[in-house]
Amino acid sequence: MELNGLKLGVAICGSFCTFRQAFETVEKLNSLGAETIPIMSYNAASLSTRFGKAEDNVRHFEELTGKKVIMSIEEAEPIGPKKMLDILLLPNCTGNTLAKLANSITDTPVTMAVKSHLRIGRPVLINVATNDALAGSAKNIGALMNLKHYFFVPLRQDDWEKKPNSIVGHFEMIPEAVKAAMEGKQLKILQ
């Protein structure tokens, strides 16, 4: 599979435990020929956690993409009007971001990137990463699945015994899901 020349926005949310997988996904997308454009939510860009220091995560993302991370609403707003992206990927979309998108709340660089990108009718691909996907976030996932231009990476429970409501998308299926979304197709949602 090749993604040569595809302008692919990658908007990282605050699911800190999935940063490693998100960054590995960026490397994979780059190797397939995509031009990745980095975007981070306020929390993703500014909070240091047991999974890494904020400044190290930002620097690593910039090194992977060769571009400055979009980290403000002002920087994200031109994405649609300037047709900066062919597709926008949220590789680790949190329950918080799902709720904001489902309710048209635009108060982070990621939600502004999505709003701006959708205004020109281009696809948004969501890879869910939240501990409450089968609880409080279920209604937001359902709402977004029924909106035009939203696509989802196939989902799975990541630990059905210890975290029965937790869902994480199949990171390894992101390239295939990108290709499908660009063709206006949704892959089988549960794998």
N, C-alpha and C. Protein backbone atom coordinates (compact mmCIF):
# COMPACT_ATOMS: atom_id res chain seq x y z
N MET A 1 0.84 -1.17 0.00
CA MET A 1 0.00 0.00 0.00
C MET A 1 0.89 1.24 0.00
N GLU A 2 0.53 2.19 -0.83
CA GLU A 2 1.26 3.44 -0.87
C GLU A 2 0.33 4.61 -0.62
N LEU A 3 0.86 5.62 0.02
CA LEU A 3 0.10 6.85 0.30
C LEU A 3 0.87 8.05 -0.25
N ASN A 4 1.59 7.84 -1.35
CA ASN A 4 2.47 8.87 -1.90
C ASN A 4 1.74 10.18 -2.13
N GLY A 5 2.33 11.25 -1.58
CA GLY A 5 1.81 12.58 -1.80
C GLY A 5 0.59 12.96 -0.98
N LEU A 6 0.08 12.04 -0.18
CA LEU A 6 -1.11 12.32 0.63
C LEU A 6 -0.74 13.28 1.75
N LYS A 7 -1.45 14.41 1.86
CA LYS A 7 -1.24 15.35 2.96
C LYS A 7 -2.13 14.91 4.11
N LEU A 8 -1.50 14.35 5.12
CA LEU A 8 -2.21 13.69 6.20
C LEU A 8 -1.95 14.39 7.53
N GLY A 9 -2.96 15.07 8.04
CA GLY A 9 -2.85 15.69 9.35
C GLY A 9 -2.94 14.61 10.42
N VAL A 10 -2.09 14.70 11.43
CA VAL A 10 -2.10 13.76 12.54
C VAL A 10 -2.30 14.57 13.81
N ALA A 11 -3.49 14.44 14.41
CA ALA A 11 -3.86 15.23 15.58
C ALA A 11 -3.85 14.36 16.83
N ILE A 12 -2.83 14.52 17.64
CA ILE A 12 -2.65 13.70 18.83
C ILE A 12 -3.41 14.32 20.01
N CYS A 13 -4.20 13.47 20.66
CA CYS A 13 -4.99 13.86 21.83
C CYS A 13 -4.29 13.38 23.11
N GLY A 14 -4.93 13.60 24.26
CA GLY A 14 -4.31 13.33 25.55
C GLY A 14 -4.41 11.90 26.06
N SER A 15 -4.47 10.92 25.20
CA SER A 15 -4.39 9.53 25.63
C SER A 15 -2.91 9.18 25.72
N PHE A 16 -2.30 9.58 26.82
CA PHE A 16 -0.85 9.53 26.96
C PHE A 16 -0.27 8.12 26.85
N CYS A 17 -1.03 7.13 27.31
CA CYS A 17 -0.53 5.75 27.26
C CYS A 17 -0.44 5.22 25.83
N THR A 18 -1.00 5.94 24.85
CA THR A 18 -0.94 5.50 23.46
C THR A 18 -0.01 6.37 22.61
N PHE A 19 0.73 7.27 23.22
CA PHE A 19 1.65 8.13 22.46
C PHE A 19 2.65 7.30 21.66
N ARG A 20 3.24 6.29 22.27
CA ARG A 20 4.23 5.48 21.57
C ARG A 20 3.63 4.90 20.29
N GLN A 21 2.42 4.34 20.41
CA GLN A 21 1.76 3.75 19.24
C GLN A 21 1.41 4.81 18.20
N ALA A 22 1.00 6.00 18.67
CA ALA A 22 0.69 7.08 17.74
C ALA A 22 1.93 7.50 16.97
N PHE A 23 3.06 7.63 17.67
CA PHE A 23 4.30 8.02 17.00
C PHE A 23 4.78 6.94 16.04
N GLU A 24 4.63 5.68 16.42
CA GLU A 24 4.99 4.58 15.51
C GLU A 24 4.11 4.61 14.26
N THR A 25 2.86 4.99 14.43
CA THR A 25 1.95 5.11 13.30
C THR A 25 2.41 6.21 12.35
N VAL A 26 2.86 7.33 12.90
CA VAL A 26 3.39 8.41 12.06
C VAL A 26 4.57 7.91 11.24
N GLU A 27 5.47 7.16 11.88
CA GLU A 27 6.61 6.60 11.15
C GLU A 27 6.15 5.70 10.01
N LYS A 28 5.15 4.87 10.27
CA LYS A 28 4.62 3.97 9.24
C LYS A 28 4.00 4.75 8.10
N LEU A 29 3.19 5.76 8.42
CA LEU A 29 2.56 6.57 7.39
C LEU A 29 3.60 7.30 6.54
N ASN A 30 4.64 7.80 7.18
CA ASN A 30 5.74 8.44 6.45
C ASN A 30 6.40 7.45 5.50
N SER A 31 6.63 6.23 5.97
CA SER A 31 7.30 5.21 5.15
C SER A 31 6.47 4.82 3.94
N LEU A 32 5.15 5.04 4.02
CA LEU A 32 4.25 4.73 2.90
C LEU A 32 4.11 5.92 1.95
N GLY A 33 4.82 7.01 2.25
CA GLY A 33 4.84 8.15 1.35
C GLY A 33 3.96 9.32 1.72
N ALA A 34 3.24 9.23 2.83
CA ALA A 34 2.38 10.35 3.25
C ALA A 34 3.24 11.50 3.77
N GLU A 35 2.76 12.70 3.56
CA GLU A 35 3.35 13.89 4.18
C GLU A 35 2.52 14.17 5.42
N THR A 36 3.09 13.93 6.60
CA THR A 36 2.35 14.08 7.85
C THR A 36 2.53 15.49 8.42
N ILE A 37 1.41 16.06 8.86
CA ILE A 37 1.39 17.40 9.44
C ILE A 37 0.96 17.24 10.91
N PRO A 38 1.82 17.64 11.86
CA PRO A 38 1.56 17.38 13.28
C PRO A 38 0.66 18.42 13.96
N ILE A 39 -0.30 17.92 14.73
CA ILE A 39 -1.22 18.74 15.51
C ILE A 39 -1.32 18.10 16.89
N MET A 40 -1.38 18.90 17.94
CA MET A 40 -1.55 18.36 19.29
C MET A 40 -2.58 19.17 20.05
N SER A 41 -3.36 18.47 20.87
CA SER A 41 -4.27 19.16 21.78
C SER A 41 -3.45 19.89 22.83
N TYR A 42 -4.10 20.82 23.53
CA TYR A 42 -3.38 21.54 24.59
C TYR A 42 -2.80 20.56 25.61
N ASN A 43 -3.60 19.60 26.05
CA ASN A 43 -3.12 18.64 27.06
C ASN A 43 -1.98 17.78 26.53
N ALA A 44 -2.13 17.30 25.31
CA ALA A 44 -1.09 16.45 24.73
C ALA A 44 0.24 17.19 24.64
N ALA A 45 0.18 18.48 24.33
CA ALA A 45 1.40 19.26 24.14
C ALA A 45 1.99 19.82 25.42
N SER A 46 1.20 19.88 26.50
CA SER A 46 1.70 20.60 27.68
C SER A 46 1.81 19.77 28.96
N LEU A 47 1.24 18.59 29.00
CA LEU A 47 1.27 17.81 30.24
C LEU A 47 2.35 16.73 30.21
N SER A 48 3.19 16.73 31.22
CA SER A 48 4.17 15.66 31.40
C SER A 48 3.54 14.59 32.27
N THR A 49 3.72 13.34 31.87
CA THR A 49 3.13 12.22 32.59
C THR A 49 4.16 11.11 32.76
N ARG A 50 3.74 10.01 33.34
CA ARG A 50 4.66 8.87 33.48
C ARG A 50 5.04 8.29 32.12
N PHE A 51 4.34 8.72 31.06
CA PHE A 51 4.63 8.25 29.72
C PHE A 51 5.57 9.17 28.95
N GLY A 52 6.02 10.24 29.61
CA GLY A 52 6.99 11.12 28.97
C GLY A 52 6.76 12.59 29.30
N LYS A 53 7.82 13.36 29.09
CA LYS A 53 7.76 14.81 29.31
C LYS A 53 7.13 15.47 28.09
N ALA A 54 6.33 16.49 28.36
CA ALA A 54 5.62 17.19 27.29
C ALA A 54 6.58 17.70 26.21
N GLU A 55 7.64 18.38 26.63
CA GLU A 55 8.57 18.95 25.65
C GLU A 55 9.26 17.87 24.81
N ASP A 56 9.51 16.71 25.42
CA ASP A 56 10.11 15.60 24.66
C ASP A 56 9.13 15.06 23.62
N ASN A 57 7.85 14.97 23.99
CA ASN A 57 6.84 14.48 23.04
C ASN A 57 6.68 15.43 21.86
N VAL A 58 6.63 16.73 22.15
CA VAL A 58 6.50 17.72 21.08
C VAL A 58 7.71 17.64 20.15
N ARG A 59 8.89 17.62 20.75
CA ARG A 59 10.13 17.56 19.95
C ARG A 59 10.17 16.30 19.08
N HIS A 60 9.79 15.16 19.66
CA HIS A 60 9.80 13.90 18.92
C HIS A 60 8.82 13.95 17.74
N PHE A 61 7.64 14.50 17.96
CA PHE A 61 6.63 14.62 16.91
C PHE A 61 7.16 15.50 15.77
N GLU A 62 7.82 16.60 16.13
CA GLU A 62 8.39 17.49 15.12
C GLU A 62 9.51 16.81 14.36
N GLU A 63 10.32 16.01 15.04
CA GLU A 63 11.39 15.28 14.36
C GLU A 63 10.82 14.25 13.39
N LEU A 64 9.75 13.58 13.79
CA LEU A 64 9.13 12.56 12.92
C LEU A 64 8.55 13.16 11.65
N THR A 65 7.97 14.35 11.77
CA THR A 65 7.26 14.96 10.63
C THR A 65 8.10 15.99 9.88
N GLY A 66 9.13 16.51 10.54
CA GLY A 66 9.93 17.57 9.93
C GLY A 66 9.20 18.91 9.90
N LYS A 67 8.17 19.04 10.72
CA LYS A 67 7.37 20.26 10.75
C LYS A 67 7.08 20.67 12.19
N LYS A 68 6.82 21.97 12.37
CA LYS A 68 6.43 22.49 13.68
C LYS A 68 5.02 22.00 14.01
N VAL A 69 4.83 21.57 15.25
CA VAL A 69 3.51 21.10 15.69
C VAL A 69 2.54 22.27 15.76
N ILE A 70 1.35 22.07 15.22
CA ILE A 70 0.26 23.03 15.37
C ILE A 70 -0.29 22.83 16.78
N MET A 71 -0.17 23.88 17.63
CA MET A 71 -0.54 23.75 19.04
C MET A 71 -1.49 24.84 19.52
N SER A 72 -2.13 25.56 18.60
CA SER A 72 -3.07 26.59 19.02
C SER A 72 -4.27 26.59 18.09
N ILE A 73 -5.37 27.14 18.57
CA ILE A 73 -6.57 27.27 17.76
C ILE A 73 -6.28 28.15 16.55
N GLU A 74 -5.53 29.23 16.76
CA GLU A 74 -5.20 30.14 15.67
C GLU A 74 -4.41 29.45 14.56
N GLU A 75 -3.49 28.57 14.94
CA GLU A 75 -2.69 27.85 13.94
C GLU A 75 -3.52 26.80 13.21
N ALA A 76 -4.54 26.23 13.88
CA ALA A 76 -5.35 25.18 13.28
C ALA A 76 -6.46 25.71 12.38
N GLU A 77 -6.90 26.93 12.60
CA GLU A 77 -8.05 27.48 11.87
C GLU A 77 -7.87 27.49 10.35
N PRO A 78 -6.68 27.80 9.80
CA PRO A 78 -6.53 27.85 8.33
C PRO A 78 -6.51 26.49 7.64
N ILE A 79 -6.52 25.40 8.38
CA ILE A 79 -6.40 24.07 7.76
C ILE A 79 -7.41 23.87 6.64
N GLY A 80 -8.66 24.18 6.88
CA GLY A 80 -9.68 24.02 5.85
C GLY A 80 -9.59 25.06 4.74
N PRO A 81 -9.65 26.35 5.10
CA PRO A 81 -9.62 27.38 4.05
C PRO A 81 -8.40 27.29 3.14
N LYS A 82 -7.26 26.89 3.67
CA LYS A 82 -6.04 26.78 2.86
C LYS A 82 -5.87 25.38 2.24
N LYS A 83 -6.85 24.50 2.48
CA LYS A 83 -6.81 23.13 1.95
C LYS A 83 -5.47 22.46 2.24
N MET A 84 -5.07 22.54 3.52
CA MET A 84 -3.76 22.05 3.95
C MET A 84 -3.68 20.52 4.00
N LEU A 85 -4.83 19.84 4.13
CA LEU A 85 -4.84 18.39 4.32
C LEU A 85 -5.79 17.70 3.36
N ASP A 86 -5.43 16.47 3.00
CA ASP A 86 -6.36 15.60 2.27
C ASP A 86 -7.24 14.83 3.24
N ILE A 87 -6.66 14.45 4.37
CA ILE A 87 -7.36 13.69 5.40
C ILE A 87 -6.76 14.07 6.75
N LEU A 88 -7.59 14.00 7.78
CA LEU A 88 -7.15 14.30 9.14
C LEU A 88 -7.36 13.06 10.00
N LEU A 89 -6.29 12.60 10.63
CA LEU A 89 -6.30 11.42 11.48
C LEU A 89 -6.15 11.83 12.94
N LEU A 90 -7.02 11.30 13.80
CA LEU A 90 -6.88 11.41 15.24
C LEU A 90 -6.47 10.01 15.72
N PRO A 91 -5.16 9.75 15.86
CA PRO A 91 -4.70 8.38 16.12
C PRO A 91 -4.96 7.87 17.53
N ASN A 92 -5.28 8.77 18.46
CA ASN A 92 -5.55 8.35 19.84
C ASN A 92 -6.64 9.23 20.44
N CYS A 93 -7.80 9.18 19.83
CA CYS A 93 -8.90 10.08 20.19
C CYS A 93 -9.52 9.71 21.54
N THR A 94 -9.46 10.64 22.46
CA THR A 94 -9.97 10.44 23.82
C THR A 94 -11.49 10.61 23.88
N GLY A 95 -12.07 10.15 24.98
CA GLY A 95 -13.49 10.37 25.24
C GLY A 95 -13.82 11.85 25.30
N ASN A 96 -12.92 12.64 25.84
CA ASN A 96 -13.11 14.08 25.93
C ASN A 96 -13.25 14.70 24.53
N THR A 97 -12.33 14.34 23.64
CA THR A 97 -12.39 14.88 22.28
C THR A 97 -13.60 14.35 21.53
N LEU A 98 -13.94 13.07 21.72
CA LEU A 98 -15.15 12.51 21.09
C LEU A 98 -16.38 13.33 21.48
N ALA A 99 -16.50 13.66 22.78
CA ALA A 99 -17.65 14.43 23.26
C ALA A 99 -17.69 15.81 22.64
N LYS A 100 -16.54 16.46 22.55
CA LYS A 100 -16.48 17.78 21.96
C LYS A 100 -16.88 17.75 20.48
N LEU A 101 -16.35 16.78 19.75
CA LEU A 101 -16.69 16.68 18.33
C LEU A 101 -18.17 16.38 18.13
N ALA A 102 -18.72 15.47 18.93
CA ALA A 102 -20.13 15.09 18.81
C ALA A 102 -21.06 16.26 19.12
N ASN A 103 -20.56 17.23 19.89
CA ASN A 103 -21.38 18.37 20.29
C ASN A 103 -20.90 19.69 19.69
N SER A 104 -20.07 19.60 18.65
CA SER A 104 -19.57 20.77 17.92
C SER A 104 -18.89 21.80 18.81
N ILE A 105 -18.13 21.34 19.79
CA ILE A 105 -17.37 22.23 20.67
C ILE A 105 -15.96 22.38 20.08
N THR A 106 -15.55 23.61 19.89
CA THR A 106 -14.25 23.91 19.27
C THR A 106 -13.42 24.72 20.24
N ASP A 107 -12.69 24.05 21.12
CA ASP A 107 -11.92 24.77 22.12
C ASP A 107 -10.50 24.24 22.30
N THR A 108 -10.03 23.45 21.33
CA THR A 108 -8.64 22.97 21.36
C THR A 108 -8.11 23.01 19.92
N PRO A 109 -6.80 22.92 19.75
CA PRO A 109 -6.26 22.86 18.38
C PRO A 109 -6.80 21.66 17.60
N VAL A 110 -7.02 20.54 18.27
CA VAL A 110 -7.53 19.35 17.57
C VAL A 110 -8.97 19.55 17.12
N THR A 111 -9.83 20.05 18.00
CA THR A 111 -11.23 20.25 17.60
C THR A 111 -11.34 21.34 16.53
N MET A 112 -10.51 22.36 16.58
CA MET A 112 -10.51 23.38 15.53
C MET A 112 -10.01 22.79 14.22
N ALA A 113 -8.98 21.95 14.27
CA ALA A 113 -8.48 21.31 13.06
C ALA A 113 -9.59 20.50 12.39
N VAL A 114 -10.34 19.74 13.20
CA VAL A 114 -11.44 18.93 12.66
C VAL A 114 -12.51 19.83 12.05
N LYS A 115 -12.93 20.84 12.79
CA LYS A 115 -13.98 21.74 12.29
C LYS A 115 -13.55 22.41 10.99
N SER A 116 -12.34 22.91 10.95
CA SER A 116 -11.84 23.59 9.77
C SER A 116 -11.74 22.65 8.58
N HIS A 117 -11.26 21.45 8.83
CA HIS A 117 -11.10 20.44 7.78
C HIS A 117 -12.46 19.98 7.25
N LEU A 118 -13.43 19.78 8.14
CA LEU A 118 -14.76 19.34 7.72
C LEU A 118 -15.49 20.39 6.90
N ARG A 119 -15.16 21.65 7.10
CA ARG A 119 -15.90 22.69 6.39
C ARG A 119 -15.67 22.65 4.89
N ILE A 120 -14.61 21.94 4.46
CA ILE A 120 -14.40 21.76 3.02
C ILE A 120 -14.72 20.32 2.60
N GLY A 121 -15.39 19.57 3.49
CA GLY A 121 -15.92 18.26 3.15
C GLY A 121 -14.89 17.17 2.95
N ARG A 122 -13.81 17.22 3.72
CA ARG A 122 -12.77 16.19 3.62
C ARG A 122 -12.85 15.24 4.80
N PRO A 123 -12.33 14.01 4.64
CA PRO A 123 -12.50 12.98 5.66
C PRO A 123 -11.68 13.17 6.94
N VAL A 124 -12.32 12.77 8.05
CA VAL A 124 -11.69 12.73 9.37
C VAL A 124 -11.72 11.27 9.80
N LEU A 125 -10.55 10.73 10.16
CA LEU A 125 -10.43 9.34 10.58
C LEU A 125 -10.11 9.29 12.07
N ILE A 126 -10.97 8.61 12.83
CA ILE A 126 -10.81 8.55 14.28
C ILE A 126 -10.37 7.16 14.71
N ASN A 127 -9.31 7.12 15.48
CA ASN A 127 -8.87 5.89 16.14
C ASN A 127 -9.14 6.10 17.64
N VAL A 128 -10.16 5.45 18.14
CA VAL A 128 -10.60 5.64 19.53
C VAL A 128 -9.58 5.09 20.52
N ALA A 129 -9.37 5.81 21.61
CA ALA A 129 -8.51 5.37 22.71
C ALA A 129 -9.08 5.94 24.00
N THR A 130 -10.07 5.24 24.57
CA THR A 130 -10.69 5.75 25.79
C THR A 130 -11.19 4.63 26.68
N ASN A 131 -11.05 4.83 27.98
CA ASN A 131 -11.49 3.83 28.96
C ASN A 131 -12.99 3.78 29.14
N ASP A 132 -13.73 4.75 28.58
CA ASP A 132 -15.18 4.73 28.77
C ASP A 132 -15.97 4.63 27.45
N ALA A 133 -15.36 4.02 26.44
CA ALA A 133 -16.01 3.91 25.13
C ALA A 133 -17.32 3.14 25.18
N LEU A 134 -17.41 2.16 26.07
CA LEU A 134 -18.64 1.36 26.18
C LEU A 134 -19.49 1.83 27.35
N ALA A 135 -19.23 3.05 27.79
CA ALA A 135 -20.02 3.68 28.87
C ALA A 135 -20.39 5.08 28.38
N GLY A 136 -19.90 6.10 29.07
CA GLY A 136 -20.28 7.47 28.76
C GLY A 136 -19.96 7.94 27.35
N SER A 137 -18.90 7.43 26.75
CA SER A 137 -18.52 7.87 25.41
C SER A 137 -19.26 7.14 24.29
N ALA A 138 -19.99 6.09 24.61
CA ALA A 138 -20.66 5.30 23.58
C ALA A 138 -21.60 6.16 22.73
N LYS A 139 -22.36 7.04 23.37
CA LYS A 139 -23.32 7.87 22.62
C LYS A 139 -22.60 8.82 21.67
N ASN A 140 -21.42 9.30 22.06
CA ASN A 140 -20.67 10.21 21.19
C ASN A 140 -20.06 9.48 20.00
N ILE A 141 -19.57 8.27 20.24
CA ILE A 141 -19.06 7.45 19.14
C ILE A 141 -20.20 7.18 18.15
N GLY A 142 -21.36 6.78 18.66
CA GLY A 142 -22.52 6.53 17.81
C GLY A 142 -22.94 7.75 17.02
N ALA A 143 -22.93 8.91 17.66
CA ALA A 143 -23.32 10.15 16.97
C ALA A 143 -22.35 10.46 15.83
N LEU A 144 -21.05 10.32 16.10
CA LEU A 144 -20.06 10.62 15.07
C LEU A 144 -20.10 9.61 13.93
N MET A 145 -20.39 8.35 14.24
CA MET A 145 -20.48 7.34 13.19
C MET A 145 -21.60 7.64 12.21
N ASN A 146 -22.56 8.43 12.64
CA ASN A 146 -23.70 8.76 11.78
C ASN A 146 -23.56 10.10 11.08
N LEU A 147 -22.41 10.74 11.19
CA LEU A 147 -22.19 12.02 10.52
C LEU A 147 -21.33 11.82 9.28
N LYS A 148 -21.62 12.62 8.27
CA LYS A 148 -20.88 12.58 7.02
C LYS A 148 -19.42 12.98 7.26
N HIS A 149 -18.53 12.34 6.55
CA HIS A 149 -17.09 12.62 6.52
C HIS A 149 -16.31 12.08 7.73
N TYR A 150 -16.98 11.45 8.69
CA TYR A 150 -16.27 10.81 9.81
C TYR A 150 -16.13 9.32 9.50
N PHE A 151 -14.93 8.80 9.74
CA PHE A 151 -14.65 7.38 9.57
C PHE A 151 -13.90 6.91 10.82
N PHE A 152 -14.00 5.62 11.11
CA PHE A 152 -13.37 5.06 12.30
C PHE A 152 -12.42 3.92 11.93
N VAL A 153 -11.29 3.88 12.61
CA VAL A 153 -10.41 2.72 12.55
C VAL A 153 -11.14 1.61 13.30
N PRO A 154 -11.10 0.37 12.81
CA PRO A 154 -11.77 -0.72 13.54
C PRO A 154 -11.38 -0.77 15.01
N LEU A 155 -12.37 -1.09 15.85
CA LEU A 155 -12.25 -1.03 17.31
C LEU A 155 -12.09 -2.40 17.95
N ARG A 156 -11.52 -2.39 19.16
CA ARG A 156 -11.42 -3.61 19.96
C ARG A 156 -11.38 -3.25 21.44
N GLN A 157 -11.84 -4.17 22.28
CA GLN A 157 -11.65 -3.99 23.72
C GLN A 157 -10.20 -4.30 24.02
N ASP A 158 -9.54 -3.44 24.77
CA ASP A 158 -8.12 -3.66 25.03
C ASP A 158 -7.85 -4.49 26.27
N ASP A 159 -8.78 -4.54 27.21
CA ASP A 159 -8.62 -5.38 28.40
C ASP A 159 -10.01 -5.61 28.99
N TRP A 160 -10.74 -6.55 28.43
CA TRP A 160 -12.14 -6.74 28.79
C TRP A 160 -12.35 -7.20 30.23
N GLU A 161 -11.34 -7.77 30.87
CA GLU A 161 -11.49 -8.19 32.27
C GLU A 161 -11.26 -7.04 33.25
N LYS A 162 -10.17 -6.30 33.09
CA LYS A 162 -9.83 -5.24 34.04
C LYS A 162 -10.46 -3.90 33.69
N LYS A 163 -10.71 -3.68 32.39
CA LYS A 163 -11.30 -2.40 31.94
C LYS A 163 -12.41 -2.73 30.93
N PRO A 164 -13.54 -3.22 31.40
CA PRO A 164 -14.57 -3.71 30.48
C PRO A 164 -15.19 -2.65 29.57
N ASN A 165 -15.05 -1.37 29.88
CA ASN A 165 -15.62 -0.32 29.04
C ASN A 165 -14.60 0.32 28.11
N SER A 166 -13.36 -0.15 28.16
CA SER A 166 -12.27 0.46 27.41
C SER A 166 -12.17 -0.07 25.99
N ILE A 167 -11.97 0.86 25.06
CA ILE A 167 -11.81 0.52 23.64
C ILE A 167 -10.57 1.24 23.11
N VAL A 168 -9.82 0.53 22.29
CA VAL A 168 -8.70 1.13 21.56
C VAL A 168 -8.80 0.64 20.13
N GLY A 169 -8.63 1.56 19.20
CA GLY A 169 -8.63 1.18 17.79
C GLY A 169 -7.40 0.37 17.45
N HIS A 170 -7.47 -0.31 16.33
CA HIS A 170 -6.35 -1.13 15.84
C HIS A 170 -5.33 -0.22 15.15
N PHE A 171 -4.29 0.19 15.87
CA PHE A 171 -3.27 1.06 15.31
C PHE A 171 -2.69 0.48 14.02
N GLU A 172 -2.50 -0.83 13.99
CA GLU A 172 -1.90 -1.46 12.81
C GLU A 172 -2.78 -1.36 11.57
N MET A 173 -4.06 -1.04 11.75
CA MET A 173 -4.98 -0.93 10.62
C MET A 173 -5.15 0.51 10.13
N ILE A 174 -4.45 1.45 10.75
CA ILE A 174 -4.61 2.85 10.37
C ILE A 174 -4.28 3.09 8.89
N PRO A 175 -3.16 2.60 8.36
CA PRO A 175 -2.91 2.86 6.93
C PRO A 175 -4.04 2.36 6.02
N GLU A 176 -4.54 1.17 6.29
CA GLU A 176 -5.65 0.62 5.51
C GLU A 176 -6.91 1.47 5.68
N ALA A 177 -7.16 1.94 6.90
CA ALA A 177 -8.33 2.78 7.17
C ALA A 177 -8.19 4.15 6.50
N VAL A 178 -6.98 4.68 6.42
CA VAL A 178 -6.73 5.95 5.71
C VAL A 178 -7.12 5.78 4.25
N LYS A 179 -6.62 4.72 3.64
CA LYS A 179 -6.91 4.47 2.23
C LYS A 179 -8.42 4.33 2.00
N ALA A 180 -9.09 3.57 2.86
CA ALA A 180 -10.54 3.38 2.73
C ALA A 180 -11.28 4.71 2.88
N ALA A 181 -10.93 5.51 3.89
CA ALA A 181 -11.59 6.78 4.12
C ALA A 181 -11.41 7.72 2.94
N MET A 182 -10.24 7.69 2.33
CA MET A 182 -10.00 8.53 1.15
C MET A 182 -10.91 8.11 -0.01
N GLU A 183 -11.35 6.86 0.01
CA GLU A 183 -12.28 6.36 -1.01
C GLU A 183 -13.73 6.47 -0.55
N GLY A 184 -13.95 7.08 0.64
CA GLY A 184 -15.30 7.25 1.17
C GLY A 184 -15.88 5.98 1.76
N LYS A 185 -15.00 5.05 2.17
CA LYS A 185 -15.45 3.76 2.70
C LYS A 185 -15.08 3.59 4.17
N GLN A 186 -15.94 2.92 4.91
CA GLN A 186 -15.70 2.58 6.30
C GLN A 186 -15.33 1.10 6.38
N LEU A 187 -14.18 0.80 6.97
CA LEU A 187 -13.82 -0.60 7.20
C LEU A 187 -14.77 -1.22 8.22
N LYS A 188 -14.83 -2.52 8.24
CA LYS A 188 -15.62 -3.23 9.26
C LYS A 188 -15.22 -2.68 10.62
N ILE A 189 -16.17 -2.23 11.40
CA ILE A 189 -15.90 -1.45 12.60
C ILE A 189 -15.37 -2.28 13.78
N LEU A 190 -15.82 -3.51 13.94
CA LEU A 190 -15.33 -4.35 15.03
C LEU A 190 -14.46 -5.45 14.49
N GLN A 191 -13.28 -5.58 15.06
CA GLN A 191 -12.33 -6.61 14.60
C GLN A 191 -12.00 -7.54 15.74
